[in-house]
Each structure stands twice: as C-alpha cells, then as structure tokens.
Amino acid sequence: MDRSGEWILERIGRDRGPDRGRAAGRLAEVVDSRGFEVARPPAWMRWLPVAYVVFVLLLETVTPTPWAVSFLLIALPVIAAYTLGPVAVAAATVFAVVLEGVVAGTPCCTGHNIHMLWENHHVAAYVATGLVGALGVALAAHRRRQERDLVRAHSVAEALMRTLLRPVPHRVGHLLAAGLYRSGEVGTMVGGDLYDLRATPSGERAIIGDVRGKGLQAVRTVADILGSFREAVHDEGDLPAVATRMERRLAREAEDLLDDELFVTAALIEYDAAAHRVTIINHGHIEPVLISGGEVTPLIGPPALPLGLGALADEEPVAYTHPFAHGDVLLLCTDGLIEARDQTGAFYPLLDRLRHRFGGRTAPAPGPADVIDFLNTDLPRHTRVFHDDVALLALAPDDGSEV
C-alpha cells in the first residue's frame, strides 16, 4: 500500500479513537472475505481451448497429408493460459502432446501410421509444446496473482470508502433521509464521491460532492473534505462560512500534494425547519432536484467554482433558498448517475425518469427511501456497466408520521 493508503489508515484510527481496533478489524474482515475472489471470464472464453482443438482436428481431416496441421496444437497451452489456471494449463499441455502423437502415429488420419510417431519433426513438436506449456503455466500463475492483487486493492479501497461514507440514518434531526453509494465496476479503485448529513444547532446540513480523480489519493481528499465538513457544520453559523472552511482545508491539501488542479464539486444544503426552506450553495455540482406536488424541478441557483478553485473567483459564492415543505423530497446526486450510458450511448434521463415515476398531481408523495429504491432499480435497467461511482442522498421534512 502506498503512502496515501497508510495516511488514510492512520486518519481512520485517529478519528475513531477507541474504535480504532474495531475499525481495523472490520477492514481486515472485508479484505479477507473478498480479497481472493477472482472474477471468472465469460463462459464462451473458457470454452475457447476446446473450440480450438475441434478446429485443428477438422482442419486435419480436410488438408493434404504433407501439411502437418496438428502442429497448430503447440499454441493450445497459450490459449488455455488466457482463461484457465496453472493446473488446467498443465493438463492442456499434456493433452496437446498426446493428441499430437495420436494424430501423427495412428491411421485415423489419411496417410498417417505408427512409424511417423517418432519422426524428428514430430518429436520437435512434442518438445515445443512442452516448452510452450511451461510458459503457459507461468503466464497463468502470473495472471492469477495479478487478479488477486487487483481485487485485494479494490477491496481495501472500498473498505476505506465505506468507513468514510457512514450509513445515512433514517432520521436526522427534522429530516428523513436515505442514501446510496455504488462503486464503479471499471478500474481497480473506487472514486471520490462523498456525502454526509448532520444535525447542528443551525439546522440540518448536508453535503454531496465529487473529488477530481480516483484511487487512494481521491479517498484521502474525501477524508479531508468530510472531516472539515463535520467540524465546520457545528462551528460555523451560516453555510457560506462552512464552505470557506472547506475551501481553506482543500487549499492546504493541494499544497501538501503539490497538486494545483485539485478540486471538489459539491452542493451544500441547510434545512430550516421553522421556515420550511432549504439554503443551497452549489460549487460546480449537479443541481439538486426537488420532487414536490407531482412536479420534478432542478433547483438552479447562482453558479460558483468548485471547492479548491475559489482563488480564481471574482466574488464570494452566493447562497439561494427554496421552500421545502412536508411531502417534498430533495434529491442530491453525483455525475455517475446522469452520465450512465445505455448501449446506444445515451445518458440516463434522470428528470424524465423521475417525472414518469413520481410526476402527476394524483401521484402519492414519495419518501426519500422510495426515490432511492426507484433509482437503484431503474438505473441498472439503463446501463449494464457502471463506469463511475454513483452517490445519492434524498431528504424530506419529517412531519412525525413515520416511526
């Protein structure tokens, strides 16, 4: 594990205090349970060596006798090494040598006889197949080790992310909430999506964001941003001050990493239960979506630069407010949701899908869990492979009717 990974482990232990041992235990448990699971290749690829043997035998029956087509079996161990393990490749090598001898020395093929079994060119083919088989066994063993290392690295990174992105409680202060984090399936590391929700003396405050980049460095930035947010929401009296604290923390992080292009897109939310409204500051992130009275509306406000690029702005970010009454749901998401593509390359039509499911004046008011459950079911119907992480956070005023 690199220095970023070591720093994250130290940060988790320092943040958790007495729970450090338990956190490390949970991390080890995740790695142990998932670290040696190697994804199997598609079924058709596992049958490729068999198909190759059938092809060679069919070719042998239709070619003239002087054409030693059976020599093509020398390649069988390498083909097997692409999908099979070392033991299976060794077995394929033995099978290839035996089959070469059968084809060369038995009258099953026109013009062949037992005297041809030990001819020099056939013996050379046996030796070559054995050498290629040894190479195939080594390649298969190396491939298996790489697969295990990749899965183990992904498991460690995902365990770290799950430690940072704590489960969203059903109720936080005066809000009902539901959240979802789904890591991308392409690549060896999770990305930098983040979210959190806190009850504070100034009201309930939430964040959703996306760190530029992926891997352990992105996870390190997630830890810094969430740590800064969790402290600032209790210390600062208004949302712009919270954003300023996070901006300063990210600037120090960029200085430590010598990365002048480090930034985080983020949307900050503050709920005022007495006034039934939300205050929003959007730092270059996807607009929150309001589901209210059967209508689905993106809450577009004054734009601001992403966190980390504040020094380039001519003026301070401006917060904007919007009514948020009982029966409304506010959805926060990352770009992994709206940029998910189907087989034709079309993006996921978030607003259209929400209007289709929750639109109309006669539609019953959904809860946060209803919205998250719908998207968690509907999105896989649109895309088969998630190339990016998806983070969702849905909020609704708590009227006390839910237990």
Protein backbone atom coordinates (compact mmCIF):
# COMPACT_ATOMS: atom_id res chain seq x y z
CA MET A 1 0.00 0.00 0.00
CA ASP A 2 1.36 3.47 -0.90
CA ARG A 3 1.80 6.47 1.40
CA SER A 4 -1.73 7.71 0.69
CA GLY A 5 -3.15 4.39 1.86
CA GLU A 6 -1.04 4.48 5.03
CA TRP A 7 -2.16 8.05 5.73
CA ILE A 8 -5.83 7.08 5.35
CA LEU A 9 -5.47 4.16 7.75
CA GLU A 10 -3.81 6.46 10.29
CA ARG A 11 -6.56 9.05 9.79
CA ILE A 12 -9.29 6.48 10.37
CA GLY A 13 -7.61 5.29 13.55
CA ARG A 14 -7.15 8.85 14.81
CA ASP A 15 -10.74 9.85 14.02
CA ARG A 16 -12.24 6.74 15.60
CA GLY A 17 -10.15 6.85 18.80
CA PRO A 18 -11.18 3.87 20.99
CA ASP A 19 -12.81 2.24 17.96
CA ARG A 20 -9.52 2.05 16.10
CA GLY A 21 -9.04 -1.64 16.72
CA ARG A 22 -12.60 -2.46 15.75
CA ALA A 23 -12.32 -0.38 12.57
CA ALA A 24 -9.11 -2.16 11.60
CA GLY A 25 -10.79 -5.48 12.33
CA ARG A 26 -13.70 -4.65 10.07
CA LEU A 27 -11.27 -3.62 7.34
CA ALA A 28 -9.34 -6.88 7.66
CA GLU A 29 -12.60 -8.81 7.62
CA VAL A 30 -13.64 -7.19 4.34
CA VAL A 31 -10.26 -7.85 2.74
CA ASP A 32 -10.17 -11.45 3.94
CA SER A 33 -13.68 -12.20 2.68
CA ARG A 34 -13.27 -10.57 -0.73
CA GLY A 35 -9.55 -10.39 -1.40
CA PHE A 36 -9.23 -13.80 -3.08
CA GLU A 37 -12.38 -13.72 -5.16
CA VAL A 38 -11.28 -13.64 -8.79
CA ALA A 39 -13.85 -12.75 -11.41
CA ARG A 40 -14.36 -15.60 -13.86
CA PRO A 41 -14.11 -14.94 -17.59
CA PRO A 42 -17.24 -15.36 -19.73
CA ALA A 43 -18.30 -18.94 -20.43
CA TRP A 44 -17.53 -18.67 -24.15
CA MET A 45 -13.93 -17.71 -23.36
CA ARG A 46 -13.49 -20.73 -21.10
CA TRP A 47 -14.61 -22.93 -23.99
CA LEU A 48 -12.10 -21.33 -26.38
CA PRO A 49 -9.39 -24.05 -25.93
CA VAL A 50 -11.95 -26.77 -26.70
CA ALA A 51 -13.13 -24.91 -29.79
CA TYR A 52 -9.52 -24.52 -30.93
CA VAL A 53 -8.88 -28.28 -30.63
CA VAL A 54 -12.03 -29.06 -32.61
CA PHE A 55 -10.96 -26.57 -35.27
CA VAL A 56 -7.50 -28.17 -35.60
CA LEU A 57 -8.94 -31.70 -35.86
CA LEU A 58 -11.44 -30.64 -38.51
CA LEU A 59 -8.67 -28.89 -40.43
CA GLU A 60 -6.55 -32.05 -40.21
CA THR A 61 -9.23 -34.10 -41.96
CA VAL A 62 -9.55 -31.78 -44.95
CA THR A 63 -5.92 -30.91 -45.66
CA PRO A 64 -3.36 -32.96 -47.65
CA THR A 65 -1.14 -35.38 -45.74
CA PRO A 66 2.12 -33.40 -46.12
CA TRP A 67 0.51 -30.49 -44.28
CA ALA A 68 1.24 -31.12 -40.61
CA VAL A 69 -1.77 -29.22 -39.31
CA SER A 70 -1.52 -30.92 -35.92
CA PHE A 71 1.49 -28.69 -35.20
CA LEU A 72 -1.05 -25.94 -34.53
CA LEU A 73 -1.72 -27.70 -31.22
CA ILE A 74 1.54 -26.17 -29.97
CA ALA A 75 -0.46 -22.97 -29.36
CA LEU A 76 -3.07 -24.69 -27.18
CA PRO A 77 -1.32 -24.06 -23.80
CA VAL A 78 -1.05 -20.33 -24.51
CA ILE A 79 -4.72 -20.12 -25.45
CA ALA A 80 -5.63 -22.03 -22.29
CA ALA A 81 -3.45 -19.71 -20.18
CA TYR A 82 -5.64 -16.77 -21.19
CA THR A 83 -8.63 -18.08 -19.24
CA LEU A 84 -7.59 -21.12 -17.16
CA GLY A 85 -5.44 -21.64 -14.10
CA PRO A 86 -1.95 -23.19 -13.95
CA VAL A 87 -3.16 -26.74 -13.25
CA ALA A 88 -5.63 -26.64 -16.13
CA VAL A 89 -2.94 -25.26 -18.46
CA ALA A 90 -0.59 -28.09 -17.47
CA ALA A 91 -3.36 -30.60 -18.22
CA ALA A 92 -3.99 -28.90 -21.57
CA THR A 93 -0.28 -29.21 -22.39
CA VAL A 94 -0.25 -32.96 -21.69
CA PHE A 95 -3.44 -33.35 -23.72
CA ALA A 96 -1.93 -31.42 -26.65
CA VAL A 97 1.21 -33.63 -26.70
CA VAL A 98 -0.86 -36.83 -26.54
CA LEU A 99 -3.20 -35.59 -29.26
CA GLU A 100 -0.24 -34.67 -31.48
CA GLY A 101 1.06 -38.22 -31.07
CA VAL A 102 -2.36 -39.72 -31.81
CA VAL A 103 -2.74 -37.67 -34.97
CA ALA A 104 0.83 -38.40 -36.10
CA GLY A 105 1.06 -42.11 -35.36
CA THR A 106 -2.36 -43.67 -35.88
CA PRO A 107 -4.20 -44.43 -39.10
CA CYS A 108 -7.15 -42.28 -38.02
CA CYS A 109 -5.88 -39.65 -40.42
CA THR A 110 -5.21 -40.49 -44.05
CA GLY A 111 -1.56 -41.25 -44.79
CA HIS A 112 -0.50 -41.49 -41.14
CA ASN A 113 0.92 -44.62 -39.49
CA ILE A 114 2.68 -45.71 -36.33
CA HIS A 115 6.12 -45.22 -37.89
CA MET A 116 5.54 -41.47 -38.13
CA LEU A 117 5.11 -41.15 -34.36
CA TRP A 118 8.84 -40.67 -33.68
CA GLU A 119 9.88 -38.76 -36.74
CA ASN A 120 12.17 -35.86 -35.95
CA HIS A 121 9.72 -33.10 -36.80
CA HIS A 122 7.01 -34.70 -34.65
CA VAL A 123 9.41 -35.11 -31.72
CA ALA A 124 10.34 -31.45 -32.14
CA ALA A 125 6.64 -30.59 -31.97
CA TYR A 126 6.26 -32.54 -28.71
CA VAL A 127 9.22 -30.70 -27.18
CA ALA A 128 7.99 -27.33 -28.43
CA THR A 129 4.54 -27.99 -27.00
CA GLY A 130 6.08 -28.86 -23.64
CA LEU A 131 8.14 -25.66 -23.61
CA VAL A 132 5.16 -23.55 -24.63
CA GLY A 133 3.15 -25.34 -21.95
CA ALA A 134 5.71 -24.41 -19.29
CA LEU A 135 5.46 -20.80 -20.45
CA GLY A 136 1.66 -21.04 -20.37
CA VAL A 137 1.70 -22.35 -16.79
CA ALA A 138 3.93 -19.44 -15.74
CA LEU A 139 1.67 -16.95 -17.53
CA ALA A 140 -1.46 -18.40 -15.94
CA ALA A 141 0.09 -18.28 -12.47
CA HIS A 142 1.20 -14.67 -13.02
CA ARG A 143 -2.26 -13.68 -14.28
CA ARG A 144 -3.93 -15.23 -11.24
CA ARG A 145 -1.58 -13.35 -8.90
CA GLN A 146 -2.34 -10.08 -10.67
CA GLU A 147 -6.08 -10.69 -10.48
CA ARG A 148 -5.88 -11.38 -6.76
CA ASP A 149 -3.76 -8.28 -6.16
CA LEU A 150 -6.21 -6.11 -8.09
CA VAL A 151 -9.25 -7.46 -6.29
CA ARG A 152 -7.49 -7.11 -2.95
CA ALA A 153 -6.53 -3.49 -3.72
CA HIS A 154 -10.11 -2.73 -4.76
CA SER A 155 -11.40 -4.33 -1.56
CA VAL A 156 -9.08 -2.24 0.61
CA ALA A 157 -10.05 0.99 -1.15
CA GLU A 158 -13.75 0.17 -0.97
CA ALA A 159 -13.47 -0.71 2.72
CA LEU A 160 -11.79 2.63 3.35
CA MET A 161 -14.53 4.43 1.45
CA ARG A 162 -17.26 2.66 3.40
CA THR A 163 -15.53 3.71 6.61
CA LEU A 164 -15.58 7.33 5.48
CA LEU A 165 -19.09 7.30 3.98
CA ARG A 166 -21.04 6.22 7.02
CA PRO A 167 -24.57 4.87 6.55
CA VAL A 168 -27.24 7.56 6.35
CA PRO A 169 -29.65 7.31 9.31
CA HIS A 170 -33.36 7.11 8.55
CA ARG A 171 -33.95 10.26 10.56
CA VAL A 172 -31.53 13.13 11.22
CA GLY A 173 -32.95 15.99 13.25
CA HIS A 174 -36.00 17.31 11.41
CA LEU A 175 -35.25 15.40 8.22
CA LEU A 176 -35.97 11.94 6.87
CA ALA A 177 -33.13 10.64 4.76
CA ALA A 178 -31.95 7.80 2.54
CA GLY A 179 -28.64 7.36 0.77
CA LEU A 180 -26.86 5.08 -1.66
CA TYR A 181 -23.25 4.63 -2.69
CA ARG A 182 -22.45 2.35 -5.61
CA SER A 183 -18.85 1.97 -6.71
CA GLY A 184 -17.93 1.77 -10.36
CA GLU A 185 -17.20 -1.65 -11.83
CA VAL A 186 -14.47 -0.49 -14.20
CA GLY A 187 -10.99 0.11 -12.80
CA THR A 188 -9.22 -1.10 -9.69
CA MET A 189 -10.14 1.68 -7.28
CA VAL A 190 -13.25 3.42 -6.12
CA GLY A 191 -13.65 7.06 -6.96
CA GLY A 192 -14.06 10.23 -4.96
CA ASP A 193 -17.82 10.57 -4.45
CA LEU A 194 -18.89 11.74 -0.99
CA TYR A 195 -21.95 12.68 1.03
CA ASP A 196 -22.91 13.36 4.63
CA LEU A 197 -25.79 14.69 6.71
CA ARG A 198 -25.54 16.26 10.15
CA ALA A 199 -27.95 17.77 12.68
CA THR A 200 -26.49 21.02 14.05
CA PRO A 201 -27.66 23.96 16.19
CA SER A 202 -28.10 25.93 12.95
CA GLY A 203 -30.27 23.26 11.33
CA GLU A 204 -29.68 20.08 9.40
CA ARG A 205 -26.77 20.38 6.98
CA ALA A 206 -25.81 18.07 4.14
CA ILE A 207 -23.13 17.79 1.51
CA ILE A 208 -22.72 15.79 -1.67
CA GLY A 209 -19.60 16.07 -3.78
CA ASP A 210 -17.19 14.54 -6.23
CA VAL A 211 -13.40 14.74 -5.96
CA ARG A 212 -11.41 15.09 -9.15
CA GLY A 213 -9.56 11.86 -9.84
CA LYS A 214 -9.72 8.34 -8.47
CA GLY A 215 -7.71 5.97 -6.33
CA LEU A 216 -6.26 6.34 -2.87
CA GLN A 217 -5.37 9.99 -3.40
CA ALA A 218 -9.05 10.73 -4.08
CA VAL A 219 -10.03 8.77 -0.96
CA ARG A 220 -7.55 10.85 1.02
CA THR A 221 -9.20 14.04 -0.26
CA VAL A 222 -12.62 12.63 0.62
CA ALA A 223 -11.38 12.07 4.18
CA ASP A 224 -10.14 15.66 4.39
CA ILE A 225 -13.31 17.19 2.97
CA LEU A 226 -15.67 15.15 5.15
CA GLY A 227 -13.56 15.82 8.24
CA SER A 228 -13.62 19.54 7.53
CA PHE A 229 -17.37 19.48 6.87
CA ARG A 230 -18.18 17.55 10.04
CA GLU A 231 -16.29 20.07 12.14
CA ALA A 232 -17.39 23.23 10.34
CA VAL A 233 -21.14 22.50 10.37
CA HIS A 234 -21.09 22.59 14.18
CA ASP A 235 -18.77 25.59 14.48
CA GLU A 236 -20.00 27.96 11.78
CA GLY A 237 -23.25 29.90 11.94
CA ASP A 238 -24.04 30.04 8.22
CA LEU A 239 -23.50 27.90 5.14
CA PRO A 240 -21.03 30.24 3.33
CA ALA A 241 -18.73 30.05 6.36
CA VAL A 242 -18.83 26.25 6.17
CA ALA A 243 -17.85 26.42 2.50
CA THR A 244 -15.00 28.80 3.33
CA ARG A 245 -13.61 26.38 5.94
CA MET A 246 -13.69 23.56 3.42
CA GLU A 247 -12.07 25.77 0.78
CA ARG A 248 -9.16 26.53 3.10
CA ARG A 249 -8.73 22.87 4.04
CA LEU A 250 -8.66 21.84 0.39
CA ALA A 251 -6.08 24.53 -0.37
CA ARG A 252 -3.79 23.07 2.31
CA GLU A 253 -4.37 19.59 0.91
CA ALA A 254 -3.43 20.76 -2.59
CA GLU A 255 -0.27 22.33 -1.18
CA ASP A 256 0.67 19.11 0.61
CA LEU A 257 0.13 17.06 -2.55
CA LEU A 258 1.76 19.64 -4.85
CA ASP A 259 -1.40 19.47 -6.95
CA ASP A 260 -2.62 22.85 -8.17
CA GLU A 261 -5.51 21.18 -10.04
CA LEU A 262 -7.12 19.55 -7.00
CA PHE A 263 -10.78 20.47 -6.70
CA VAL A 264 -14.11 19.11 -5.49
CA THR A 265 -17.53 19.82 -6.95
CA ALA A 266 -20.02 20.00 -4.10
CA ALA A 267 -23.53 21.08 -3.17
CA LEU A 268 -24.10 22.22 0.43
CA ILE A 269 -27.60 22.14 1.91
CA GLU A 270 -29.04 23.67 5.09
CA TYR A 271 -32.60 22.98 6.24
CA ASP A 272 -34.55 25.47 8.36
CA ALA A 273 -37.43 23.52 9.90
CA ALA A 274 -39.12 26.64 11.30
CA ALA A 275 -39.15 28.45 7.96
CA HIS A 276 -39.74 25.27 5.89
CA ARG A 277 -36.97 26.10 3.44
CA VAL A 278 -33.56 24.94 2.28
CA THR A 279 -30.49 27.05 1.67
CA ILE A 280 -28.16 25.84 -1.08
CA ILE A 281 -24.63 26.70 -2.17
CA ASN A 282 -23.61 24.94 -5.36
CA HIS A 283 -19.88 24.71 -6.07
CA GLY A 284 -19.95 23.47 -9.65
CA HIS A 285 -22.04 20.40 -8.81
CA ILE A 286 -25.19 18.91 -10.32
CA GLU A 287 -28.25 20.88 -9.27
CA PRO A 288 -30.41 19.34 -6.53
CA VAL A 289 -33.73 18.03 -7.82
CA LEU A 290 -36.96 18.82 -5.96
CA ILE A 291 -39.94 16.45 -6.14
CA SER A 292 -42.94 18.46 -4.96
CA GLY A 293 -46.66 18.13 -5.66
CA GLY A 294 -46.14 15.77 -8.58
CA GLU A 295 -43.59 18.07 -10.22
CA VAL A 296 -39.87 17.40 -10.67
CA THR A 297 -37.74 20.55 -10.78
CA PRO A 298 -33.97 21.13 -10.71
CA LEU A 299 -33.14 23.90 -8.23
CA ILE A 300 -30.84 26.10 -10.29
CA GLY A 301 -29.11 28.95 -8.49
CA PRO A 302 -26.10 31.26 -8.81
CA PRO A 303 -23.13 29.20 -10.00
CA ALA A 304 -19.88 29.02 -8.07
CA LEU A 305 -16.50 27.50 -8.82
CA PRO A 306 -15.69 24.07 -7.35
CA LEU A 307 -14.05 23.94 -3.94
CA GLY A 308 -10.32 24.34 -4.36
CA LEU A 309 -10.64 26.89 -7.16
CA GLY A 310 -12.04 29.69 -5.03
CA ALA A 311 -8.92 31.82 -5.52
CA LEU A 312 -9.89 32.18 -9.18
CA ALA A 313 -13.36 33.58 -8.41
CA ASP A 314 -14.08 37.31 -8.67
CA GLU A 315 -16.70 37.22 -5.89
CA GLU A 316 -17.83 35.08 -3.00
CA PRO A 317 -20.29 32.20 -3.64
CA VAL A 318 -23.94 33.19 -3.24
CA ALA A 319 -26.40 31.01 -1.33
CA TYR A 320 -30.00 30.70 -2.51
CA THR A 321 -33.14 29.43 -0.78
CA HIS A 322 -36.22 27.47 -1.81
CA PRO A 323 -39.38 26.35 0.01
CA PHE A 324 -39.16 22.81 1.35
CA ALA A 325 -42.44 21.65 2.85
CA HIS A 326 -43.87 18.37 4.11
CA GLY A 327 -44.37 15.97 1.21
CA ASP A 328 -41.36 17.30 -0.73
CA VAL A 329 -38.24 15.27 -1.47
CA LEU A 330 -34.87 16.78 -2.36
CA LEU A 331 -32.55 14.53 -4.35
CA LEU A 332 -28.79 15.09 -4.41
CA CYS A 333 -26.64 13.02 -6.77
CA THR A 334 -23.22 12.81 -8.40
CA ASP A 335 -22.44 12.74 -12.11
CA GLY A 336 -22.12 8.95 -12.09
CA LEU A 337 -25.94 8.88 -12.18
CA ILE A 338 -26.68 11.28 -15.03
CA GLU A 339 -23.66 10.19 -17.09
CA ALA A 340 -24.51 6.48 -17.04
CA ARG A 341 -24.94 5.39 -20.67
CA ASP A 342 -27.05 2.72 -22.30
CA GLN A 343 -26.00 0.54 -25.23
CA THR A 344 -26.66 3.38 -27.69
CA GLY A 345 -24.53 5.83 -25.70
CA ALA A 346 -27.49 7.84 -24.38
CA PHE A 347 -27.19 9.32 -20.88
CA TYR A 348 -29.56 8.34 -18.09
CA PRO A 349 -32.58 10.72 -18.36
CA LEU A 350 -32.90 11.48 -14.65
CA LEU A 351 -35.60 14.14 -14.80
CA ASP A 352 -37.71 12.19 -17.31
CA ARG A 353 -37.48 9.00 -15.25
CA LEU A 354 -38.42 10.81 -12.03
CA ARG A 355 -41.36 12.53 -13.75
CA HIS A 356 -42.52 9.23 -15.17
CA ARG A 357 -42.43 7.58 -11.74
CA PHE A 358 -43.39 10.39 -9.36
CA GLY A 359 -44.96 13.03 -11.62
CA GLY A 360 -48.64 13.96 -11.76
CA ARG A 361 -50.85 15.66 -9.24
CA THR A 362 -52.56 12.39 -8.33
CA ALA A 363 -49.30 10.60 -7.55
CA PRO A 364 -48.79 9.92 -3.84
CA ALA A 365 -45.97 11.87 -2.21
CA PRO A 366 -42.85 9.69 -2.15
CA GLY A 367 -40.42 9.39 0.73
CA PRO A 368 -36.63 9.52 0.48
CA ALA A 369 -36.38 5.73 0.53
CA ASP A 370 -38.93 5.48 -2.31
CA VAL A 371 -36.81 7.72 -4.54
CA ILE A 372 -33.55 5.92 -3.73
CA ASP A 373 -35.11 2.48 -4.20
CA PHE A 374 -36.54 3.52 -7.56
CA LEU A 375 -33.21 4.81 -8.86
CA ASN A 376 -31.35 1.79 -7.53
CA THR A 377 -33.71 -0.43 -9.53
CA ASP A 378 -34.16 1.73 -12.61
CA LEU A 379 -30.53 2.66 -13.26
CA PRO A 380 -29.30 -0.93 -13.89
CA ARG A 381 -32.05 -1.26 -16.50
CA HIS A 382 -30.49 1.64 -18.37
CA THR A 383 -26.82 0.69 -18.12
CA ARG A 384 -25.15 -2.67 -17.67
CA VAL A 385 -21.73 -1.39 -16.62
CA PHE A 386 -21.14 1.42 -14.13
CA HIS A 387 -18.04 3.25 -15.31
CA ASP A 388 -18.19 5.75 -12.45
CA ASP A 389 -19.26 5.78 -8.84
CA VAL A 390 -22.82 6.80 -8.00
CA ALA A 391 -23.71 8.61 -4.78
CA LEU A 392 -27.31 9.54 -3.95
CA LEU A 393 -28.82 11.37 -0.99
CA ALA A 394 -32.56 12.01 -0.67
CA LEU A 395 -34.04 14.27 2.02
CA ALA A 396 -37.58 15.09 3.16
CA PRO A 397 -39.03 17.12 6.05
CA ASP A 398 -40.06 14.94 8.98
CA ASP A 399 -43.70 15.55 9.87
CA GLY A 400 -43.61 12.94 12.63
CA SER A 401 -45.86 10.48 10.79
CA GLU A 402 -43.07 7.91 10.27
CA VAL A 403 -41.72 5.85 13.12
